């Protein structure tokens, strides 16, 4: 039994001719142009779509370029030999080029995979629901990500009012936010993400629905929510993102144990640490995933009781604190152990580093000591000195690990061919004299 809300009528596209926009082929990577032109010359419709078009209009350099077409996955596979089909339900084609460049090509679809809403007892919905360009634009999350660049005449095709929202610097959901957030609550995170990254304001209707429906985020798979948050940790816009998360209440829907614990000082501490991570990522410094989580969890642990003195008890204490802080977020066991050790080791060596005293070798040679040292700098270094202190040449190199002694090799006593056992061997050896 389906309970999808009826789709609104599809509007006619607004065509923006080449002289009226700033997207130029000069700024599109060669590999994406090759894919677009091969599709065009083979008789297919080929558009550049999504964040690549948005970033070009904003004067930014896109990280990747995605292509959408009316060619089916099997036809794409025949057209591009250097390609493979991925995805079980909604298949798309990855086209490979030298140097590790990959261009993803998808077929126009009627709806998003998360709009396949159905009753648990119903049979699975038909996969690969191919559609028209208008339907493909309607299935996307935000208007500013729903613009198409048409390689045949270099125009922009706008079915969703994305160009108007770009000019107004507005984040607006395609369709009714009340319906779209129910179908896929992760869209609420994406609204805040794009507002944080490009500094746009959020449409009042979408903001109101996020505050009303924030608890729906708990219905999403925990691993998916964790992976979405990791994108924001690495976006160099974590501070404005988490500021919007706190203001909307979506933060406490994901991390309920933080509510009532942080207070004003804790919120300011969280945003300051996120800002420092942003500075490191903007400077293209290497920041491991475990270190990102350790910095994020610091304000929660700082609001709790004082740390135990014993190192083993300290690790157990922090391990339990992480479980409480993350709530329903799925965290791999190895990652959990690494984050616990980084936090515990930093707490142990911080007094020594503050007094510029040497760290004992048994601690400095631990594999995660460099991350603990970086966490100490992130937490306490003056902001003006942070990049200098965290420069690659300043980060301590892990001490060489002690080589394990080789076990003594047991030598087998050789037997004389003619004897049976030790007595016969002695007898034979004695007879040789």
Protein backbone atom coordinates (compact mmCIF):
# COMPACT_ATOMS: atom_id res chain seq x y z
CA UNK A 1 0.00 0.00 0.00
CA UNK A 2 1.52 3.32 -1.09
CA UNK A 3 1.01 6.53 0.84
CA UNK A 4 2.97 9.00 -1.31
CA UNK A 5 1.58 12.51 -1.48
CA UNK A 6 0.53 13.51 -4.99
CA UNK A 7 3.25 15.23 -6.96
CA UNK A 8 2.66 18.86 -8.00
CA UNK A 9 2.33 19.58 -11.72
CA UNK A 10 5.70 19.94 -13.44
CA UNK A 11 6.35 23.54 -14.53
CA UNK A 12 7.69 24.56 -17.90
CA UNK A 13 11.46 25.16 -17.90
CA UNK A 14 13.01 28.56 -17.79
CA UNK A 15 15.79 28.63 -20.41
CA UNK A 16 18.70 30.96 -19.64
CA UNK A 17 20.64 31.60 -22.84
CA UNK A 18 24.43 31.66 -22.83
CA UNK A 19 24.80 35.48 -22.79
CA UNK A 20 22.64 35.61 -19.64
CA UNK A 21 24.76 33.39 -17.35
CA UNK A 22 28.42 32.90 -16.40
CA UNK A 23 28.95 29.15 -16.91
CA UNK A 24 31.74 28.63 -19.45
CA UNK A 25 33.25 25.50 -20.95
CA UNK A 26 36.66 26.88 -19.95
CA UNK A 27 35.81 26.11 -16.33
CA UNK A 28 34.52 22.58 -16.93
CA UNK A 29 37.10 19.82 -16.64
CA UNK A 30 38.08 18.18 -19.92
CA UNK A 31 36.90 14.70 -18.89
CA UNK A 32 33.35 15.92 -18.22
CA UNK A 33 33.31 17.72 -21.57
CA UNK A 34 34.40 14.53 -23.33
CA UNK A 35 31.50 12.63 -21.76
CA UNK A 36 28.98 15.36 -22.63
CA UNK A 37 30.10 15.62 -26.25
CA UNK A 38 30.21 11.87 -26.83
CA UNK A 39 26.63 11.59 -25.57
CA UNK A 40 25.56 14.54 -27.73
CA UNK A 41 27.20 13.14 -30.87
CA UNK A 42 25.58 9.76 -30.23
CA UNK A 43 22.15 11.41 -30.34
CA UNK A 44 21.40 11.60 -26.61
CA UNK A 45 20.44 14.54 -24.41
CA UNK A 46 23.33 15.43 -22.10
CA UNK A 47 23.30 17.90 -19.23
CA UNK A 48 25.77 18.91 -16.54
CA UNK A 49 23.87 18.91 -13.27
CA UNK A 50 23.97 19.50 -9.53
CA UNK A 51 26.68 21.06 -7.40
CA UNK A 52 29.02 21.53 -10.35
CA UNK A 53 26.62 23.93 -12.07
CA UNK A 54 25.86 25.70 -8.77
CA UNK A 55 29.55 26.23 -7.96
CA UNK A 56 30.33 27.54 -11.45
CA UNK A 57 27.54 30.10 -11.11
CA UNK A 58 28.95 31.12 -7.72
CA UNK A 59 32.44 31.56 -9.17
CA UNK A 60 33.82 28.55 -7.31
CA UNK A 61 35.86 25.63 -8.60
CA UNK A 62 33.74 22.46 -8.44
CA UNK A 63 35.24 19.36 -6.85
CA UNK A 64 33.53 17.08 -9.36
CA UNK A 65 31.14 17.16 -12.29
CA UNK A 66 28.07 14.96 -12.68
CA UNK A 67 26.29 14.28 -15.95
CA UNK A 68 22.67 13.30 -16.51
CA UNK A 69 21.25 11.94 -19.77
CA UNK A 70 18.37 10.05 -21.38
CA UNK A 71 20.70 7.15 -22.25
CA UNK A 72 20.04 4.02 -20.16
CA UNK A 73 22.83 2.41 -18.10
CA UNK A 74 23.30 -0.43 -20.61
CA UNK A 75 23.57 2.05 -23.48
CA UNK A 76 26.10 4.10 -21.52
CA UNK A 77 28.18 1.00 -20.84
CA UNK A 78 28.37 0.30 -24.58
CA UNK A 79 29.19 3.91 -25.40
CA UNK A 80 31.99 4.18 -22.81
CA UNK A 81 34.22 1.12 -22.68
CA UNK A 82 36.26 2.62 -19.84
CA UNK A 83 33.27 2.47 -17.50
CA UNK A 84 31.36 0.35 -15.03
CA UNK A 85 27.80 0.23 -13.73
CA UNK A 86 27.38 0.66 -9.97
CA UNK A 87 24.36 0.55 -7.66
CA UNK A 88 21.82 -2.19 -7.16
CA UNK A 89 18.57 -0.26 -7.19
CA UNK A 90 19.38 3.02 -8.90
CA UNK A 91 22.17 2.26 -11.27
CA UNK A 92 24.58 4.83 -12.62
CA UNK A 93 27.73 4.62 -14.71
CA UNK A 94 31.23 5.67 -13.70
CA UNK A 95 33.45 6.66 -16.62
CA UNK A 96 37.17 6.37 -15.88
CA UNK A 97 39.98 8.52 -17.27
CA UNK A 98 43.72 8.63 -16.76
CA UNK A 99 44.97 10.20 -13.58
CA UNK A 100 42.13 8.79 -11.50
CA UNK A 101 39.44 11.12 -12.91
CA UNK A 102 35.92 9.71 -12.67
CA UNK A 103 32.79 11.22 -14.20
CA UNK A 104 29.48 9.82 -12.91
CA UNK A 105 26.66 9.60 -15.44
CA UNK A 106 23.08 8.89 -14.42
CA UNK A 107 19.88 8.47 -16.38
CA UNK A 108 16.99 10.90 -15.89
CA UNK A 109 14.90 9.48 -13.05
CA UNK A 110 11.37 10.03 -11.94
CA UNK A 111 12.06 10.06 -8.21
CA UNK A 112 14.75 9.78 -5.58
CA UNK A 113 15.47 6.41 -4.01
CA UNK A 114 14.29 7.88 -0.70
CA UNK A 115 10.94 8.85 -2.22
CA UNK A 116 10.09 5.20 -2.77
CA UNK A 117 7.93 5.33 0.35
CA UNK A 118 5.92 2.18 0.91
CA UNK A 119 4.28 0.02 3.50
CA UNK A 120 6.49 -2.65 5.09
CA UNK A 121 4.15 -5.36 3.77
CA UNK A 122 4.12 -4.03 0.21
CA UNK A 123 6.30 -5.50 -2.53
CA UNK A 124 9.41 -3.53 -3.47
CA UNK A 125 8.90 -0.57 -5.74
CA UNK A 126 10.09 -0.86 -9.31
CA UNK A 127 13.77 0.05 -9.52
CA UNK A 128 15.36 2.49 -11.95
CA UNK A 129 12.19 4.53 -12.44
CA UNK A 130 13.51 6.44 -15.45
CA UNK A 131 11.88 9.76 -16.24
CA UNK A 132 12.13 13.06 -18.04
CA UNK A 133 14.46 16.01 -17.37
CA UNK A 134 11.58 17.82 -15.62
CA UNK A 135 10.92 14.83 -13.34
CA UNK A 136 14.64 14.45 -12.64
CA UNK A 137 14.85 18.09 -11.55
CA UNK A 138 11.85 17.69 -9.25
CA UNK A 139 13.39 14.72 -7.40
CA UNK A 140 16.44 16.71 -6.28
CA UNK A 141 16.74 18.26 -2.83
CA UNK A 142 17.37 21.98 -3.31
CA UNK A 143 16.52 24.42 -6.06
CA UNK A 144 20.10 25.64 -6.39
CA UNK A 145 21.16 22.02 -7.10
CA UNK A 146 18.44 21.45 -9.69
CA UNK A 147 19.90 23.48 -12.57
CA UNK A 148 20.98 21.81 -15.84
CA UNK A 149 23.71 23.02 -18.20
CA UNK A 150 22.86 21.99 -21.77
CA UNK A 151 25.99 21.24 -23.78
CA UNK A 152 24.09 21.44 -27.11
CA UNK A 153 23.50 25.20 -26.92
CA UNK A 154 25.33 26.20 -23.67
CA UNK A 155 22.08 27.30 -22.02
CA UNK A 156 20.84 26.66 -18.49
CA UNK A 157 17.59 24.74 -18.04
CA UNK A 158 15.74 25.65 -14.83
CA UNK A 159 12.58 23.74 -13.85
CA UNK A 160 12.66 24.64 -10.13
CA UNK A 161 13.47 28.35 -9.80
CA UNK A 162 17.08 27.68 -8.86
CA UNK A 163 18.44 30.69 -10.70
CA UNK A 164 16.14 33.05 -8.84
CA UNK A 165 17.17 31.53 -5.50
CA UNK A 166 20.86 31.85 -6.37
CA UNK A 167 20.38 35.54 -7.04
CA UNK A 168 18.42 35.92 -3.80
CA UNK A 169 21.07 33.88 -1.87
CA UNK A 170 18.35 31.60 -0.57
CA UNK A 171 18.26 27.88 0.31
CA UNK A 172 14.87 26.51 -0.73
CA UNK A 173 13.63 22.92 -0.88
CA UNK A 174 12.15 21.61 -4.13
CA UNK A 175 8.51 20.84 -3.39
CA UNK A 176 6.81 20.94 0.01
CA UNK A 177 9.40 20.72 2.84
CA UNK A 178 6.83 19.05 5.10
CA UNK A 179 6.57 16.17 2.60
CA UNK A 180 10.20 16.03 1.50
CA UNK A 181 11.57 15.89 5.07
CA UNK A 182 9.21 13.05 5.98
CA UNK A 183 10.30 11.04 2.96
CA UNK A 184 13.98 11.55 3.74
CA UNK A 185 14.87 13.35 7.00
CA UNK A 186 18.54 13.61 5.95
CA UNK A 187 17.42 16.43 3.67
CA UNK A 188 17.21 18.61 6.78
CA UNK A 189 20.96 18.16 7.27
CA UNK A 190 21.59 19.09 3.65
CA UNK A 191 19.62 22.31 3.96
CA UNK A 192 21.79 23.39 6.90
CA UNK A 193 24.95 22.17 5.15
CA UNK A 194 24.51 24.28 2.05
CA UNK A 195 23.46 27.32 4.04
CA UNK A 196 26.63 26.98 6.13
CA UNK A 197 28.97 26.39 3.20
CA UNK A 198 27.89 29.24 0.95
CA UNK A 199 26.43 31.64 3.51
CA UNK A 200 22.89 31.69 2.12
CA UNK A 201 19.76 32.24 4.21
CA UNK A 202 17.30 29.38 4.69
CA UNK A 203 13.78 29.72 3.32
CA UNK A 204 11.47 30.41 6.33
CA UNK A 205 9.15 27.53 5.45
CA UNK A 206 12.03 25.04 5.35
CA UNK A 207 13.47 26.40 8.62
CA UNK A 208 10.09 26.06 10.34
CA UNK A 209 9.67 22.46 9.16
CA UNK A 210 13.18 21.53 10.34
CA UNK A 211 12.35 22.74 13.84
CA UNK A 212 9.03 20.89 13.81
CA UNK A 213 10.26 17.62 12.28
CA UNK A 214 13.78 17.42 13.69
CA UNK A 215 13.03 14.24 15.67
CA UNK A 216 12.46 12.35 12.40
CA UNK A 217 16.23 12.23 11.93
CA UNK A 218 16.26 9.38 14.46
CA UNK A 219 14.43 7.18 11.94
CA UNK A 220 17.42 7.27 9.55
CA UNK A 221 20.07 4.53 9.66
CA UNK A 222 22.68 5.60 12.26
CA UNK A 223 25.58 4.83 9.92
CA UNK A 224 24.09 7.11 7.25
CA UNK A 225 23.73 10.00 9.73
CA UNK A 226 27.34 9.48 10.86
CA UNK A 227 28.61 9.57 7.27
CA UNK A 228 26.62 12.74 6.56
CA UNK A 229 28.11 14.47 9.60
CA UNK A 230 31.61 13.46 8.52
CA UNK A 231 31.06 15.42 5.31
CA UNK A 232 30.44 18.51 7.40
CA UNK A 233 33.47 17.91 9.62
CA UNK A 234 35.61 17.91 6.47
CA UNK A 235 33.82 20.76 4.70
CA UNK A 236 35.83 23.61 6.31
CA UNK A 237 32.41 24.98 7.36
CA UNK A 238 31.80 22.85 10.46
CA UNK A 239 31.44 25.86 12.78
CA UNK A 240 28.56 27.56 10.90
CA UNK A 241 26.96 24.15 10.26
CA UNK A 242 26.87 23.17 13.93
CA UNK A 243 25.71 26.66 14.87
CA UNK A 244 22.65 26.09 12.66
CA UNK A 245 22.30 22.58 14.08
CA UNK A 246 22.14 23.97 17.63
CA UNK A 247 19.76 26.80 16.72
CA UNK A 248 17.34 24.47 14.92
CA UNK A 249 17.40 21.78 17.61
CA UNK A 250 18.47 19.17 15.07
CA UNK A 251 21.72 18.73 17.00
CA UNK A 252 19.89 17.56 20.12
CA UNK A 253 17.67 15.26 18.07
CA UNK A 254 20.81 13.41 16.98
CA UNK A 255 22.69 13.77 20.29
CA UNK A 256 19.95 13.87 22.97
CA UNK A 257 22.32 13.41 25.94
CA UNK A 258 23.99 16.76 25.16
CA UNK A 259 20.77 18.70 25.79
CA UNK A 260 20.84 20.46 29.14
CA UNK A 261 24.51 19.52 29.62
CA UNK A 262 26.40 21.95 27.40
CA UNK A 263 25.05 25.30 28.52
CA UNK A 264 26.23 28.52 26.89
CA UNK A 265 29.91 27.88 27.70
CA UNK A 266 29.75 24.36 26.28
CA UNK A 267 28.11 25.54 23.05
CA UNK A 268 30.74 28.23 22.61
CA UNK A 269 33.47 25.66 23.28
CA UNK A 270 32.01 23.30 20.65
CA UNK A 271 31.79 26.02 18.00
CA UNK A 272 35.33 27.25 18.79
CA UNK A 273 36.78 23.75 18.37
CA UNK A 274 34.86 23.32 15.09
CA UNK A 275 36.23 26.68 13.92
CA UNK A 276 39.78 25.50 14.67
CA UNK A 277 39.19 22.30 12.71
CA UNK A 278 37.92 24.45 9.84
CA UNK A 279 41.17 26.45 9.88
CA UNK A 280 43.25 23.27 9.63
CA UNK A 281 41.15 21.83 6.80
CA UNK A 282 41.18 25.13 4.90
CA UNK A 283 44.98 25.00 5.13
CA UNK A 284 44.84 21.43 3.76
CA UNK A 285 46.37 19.95 6.88
CA UNK A 286 45.97 16.23 7.41
CA UNK A 287 43.29 15.59 10.05
CA UNK A 288 42.32 11.98 10.70
CA UNK A 289 38.72 10.93 11.23
CA UNK A 290 39.52 9.82 14.78
CA UNK A 291 40.98 13.24 15.59
CA UNK A 292 37.87 14.97 14.21
CA UNK A 293 35.63 12.95 16.52
CA UNK A 294 37.97 13.46 19.48
CA UNK A 295 37.81 17.24 19.08
CA UNK A 296 34.04 17.14 18.64
CA UNK A 297 33.53 15.05 21.80
CA UNK A 298 35.78 17.22 23.97
CA UNK A 299 33.07 19.71 25.10
CA UNK A 300 30.79 16.87 26.22
CA UNK A 301 33.53 15.22 28.30
CA UNK A 302 34.64 18.56 29.77
CA UNK A 303 31.15 19.11 31.22
CA UNK A 304 31.26 15.84 33.15
CA UNK A 305 33.10 14.80 36.33
CA UNK A 306 36.88 15.08 36.62
CA UNK A 307 38.97 12.41 34.95
CA UNK A 308 40.42 9.48 36.95
CA UNK A 309 44.16 9.43 37.60
CA UNK A 310 44.83 5.83 36.60
CA UNK A 311 45.33 5.55 32.82
CA UNK A 312 43.32 2.35 32.42
CA UNK A 313 40.46 3.79 34.46
CA UNK A 314 40.76 6.97 32.42
CA UNK A 315 40.37 5.09 29.15
CA UNK A 316 37.36 3.18 30.47
CA UNK A 317 35.83 6.43 31.76
CA UNK A 318 36.26 8.14 28.37
CA UNK A 319 35.07 5.04 26.52
CA UNK A 320 31.81 5.14 28.47
CA UNK A 321 31.51 8.90 27.99
CA UNK A 322 31.76 8.49 24.21
CA UNK A 323 28.95 5.93 24.25
CA UNK A 324 26.73 8.35 26.14
CA UNK A 325 27.64 11.29 23.91
CA UNK A 326 27.07 9.56 20.57
CA UNK A 327 23.71 8.07 21.50
CA UNK A 328 22.32 6.20 18.51
CA UNK A 329 25.16 7.10 16.11
CA UNK A 330 26.74 3.91 14.81
CA UNK A 331 30.45 3.95 15.63
CA UNK A 332 32.79 1.12 14.56
CA UNK A 333 34.53 -0.52 17.50
CA UNK A 334 38.05 0.22 16.22
CA UNK A 335 37.18 3.90 15.71
CA UNK A 336 35.70 4.00 19.22
CA UNK A 337 38.92 2.55 20.68
CA UNK A 338 41.12 4.98 18.73
CA UNK A 339 39.12 8.04 19.81
CA UNK A 340 39.20 6.83 23.44
CA UNK A 341 42.97 6.45 23.35
CA UNK A 342 43.51 9.87 21.73
CA UNK A 343 41.41 11.60 24.38
CA UNK A 344 42.91 9.64 27.29
CA UNK A 345 46.49 10.11 26.10
CA UNK A 346 45.96 13.85 25.54
CA UNK A 347 44.59 14.19 29.07
CA UNK A 348 47.64 12.39 30.44
CA UNK A 349 50.35 14.30 28.52
CA UNK A 350 48.69 17.77 28.55
CA UNK A 351 50.26 18.79 31.92
CA UNK A 352 53.71 17.86 30.61
CA UNK A 353 53.24 19.70 27.31
CA UNK A 354 51.96 22.80 29.13
CA UNK A 355 55.18 22.92 31.18
CA UNK A 356 57.32 22.03 28.15
CA UNK A 357 58.52 18.88 29.81
CA UNK A 358 59.45 15.74 27.84
CA UNK A 359 56.80 13.07 27.37
CA UNK A 360 57.83 9.59 28.58
CA UNK A 361 59.00 7.36 25.74
CA UNK A 362 56.40 4.69 26.54
CA UNK A 363 53.69 7.24 25.72
CA UNK A 364 55.44 9.04 22.87
CA UNK A 365 55.94 5.79 20.98
CA UNK A 366 52.24 4.94 21.00
CA UNK A 367 50.74 4.90 17.51
CA UNK A 368 48.14 7.59 18.30
CA UNK A 369 50.46 9.98 20.13
CA UNK A 370 50.73 12.41 17.13
CA UNK A 371 46.91 12.74 17.09
CA UNK A 372 46.90 13.32 20.86
CA UNK A 373 49.57 16.00 20.45
CA UNK A 374 47.50 17.68 17.71
CA UNK A 375 44.40 17.55 19.91
CA UNK A 376 46.34 19.37 22.64
CA UNK A 377 47.22 22.12 20.16
CA UNK A 378 43.66 22.36 18.82
CA UNK A 379 42.28 22.69 22.33
CA UNK A 380 44.71 25.22 23.73
CA UNK A 381 46.94 26.95 21.18
CA UNK A 382 46.25 30.64 20.48
CA UNK A 383 44.22 30.82 17.29
CA UNK A 384 46.80 33.06 15.61
CA UNK A 385 49.48 30.40 16.21
CA UNK A 386 47.40 27.29 15.47
CA UNK A 387 48.49 26.72 11.87
CA UNK A 388 52.13 27.30 12.70
CA UNK A 389 52.06 24.93 15.66
CA UNK A 390 50.24 22.25 13.66
CA UNK A 391 52.53 22.48 10.63
CA UNK A 392 53.58 19.02 9.40
CA UNK A 393 57.18 19.57 10.43
CA UNK A 394 56.06 20.39 13.99
CA UNK A 395 53.96 17.27 14.54
CA UNK A 396 55.98 14.70 16.48
CA UNK A 397 56.98 11.59 14.63
CA UNK A 398 56.02 8.40 16.33
CA UNK A 399 58.97 6.89 18.14
CA UNK A 400 60.33 3.73 16.53
CA UNK A 401 58.68 0.63 17.87
CA UNK A 402 60.84 -1.75 19.83
CA UNK A 403 61.66 -4.79 17.77
CA UNK A 404 60.28 -7.96 19.19
CA UNK A 405 63.00 -10.47 20.03
CA UNK A 406 63.00 -13.45 17.74
CA UNK A 407 62.02 -16.71 19.41
CA UNK A 408 64.85 -19.18 19.77
CA UNK A 409 64.78 -21.72 17.04
CA UNK A 410 64.74 -25.26 18.29
CA UNK A 411 67.22 -27.46 16.52
CA UNK A 412 66.09 -30.95 15.83
CA UNK A 413 68.48 -33.71 16.74
CA UNK A 414 69.47 -35.59 13.67
CA UNK A 415 69.07 -39.33 13.74
CA UNK A 416 71.42 -41.73 12.13
CA UNK A 417 69.73 -43.53 9.32
CA UNK A 418 70.60 -46.90 10.66
CA UNK A 419 69.39 -46.43 14.21
CA UNK A 420 66.13 -46.17 16.12
CA UNK A 421 66.22 -43.67 18.91
CA UNK A 422 68.85 -42.04 21.03
CA UNK A 423 70.58 -45.25 22.20
CA UNK A 424 71.11 -46.52 18.71
CA UNK A 425 72.50 -43.13 17.67
CA UNK A 426 75.02 -43.16 20.49
CA UNK A 427 75.97 -46.68 19.65
CA UNK A 428 76.57 -45.83 16.04
CA UNK A 429 78.50 -42.69 16.88
CA UNK A 430 80.61 -44.64 19.33
CA UNK A 431 81.33 -47.29 16.74
CA UNK A 432 82.76 -44.70 14.40
CA UNK A 433 85.63 -44.01 16.80
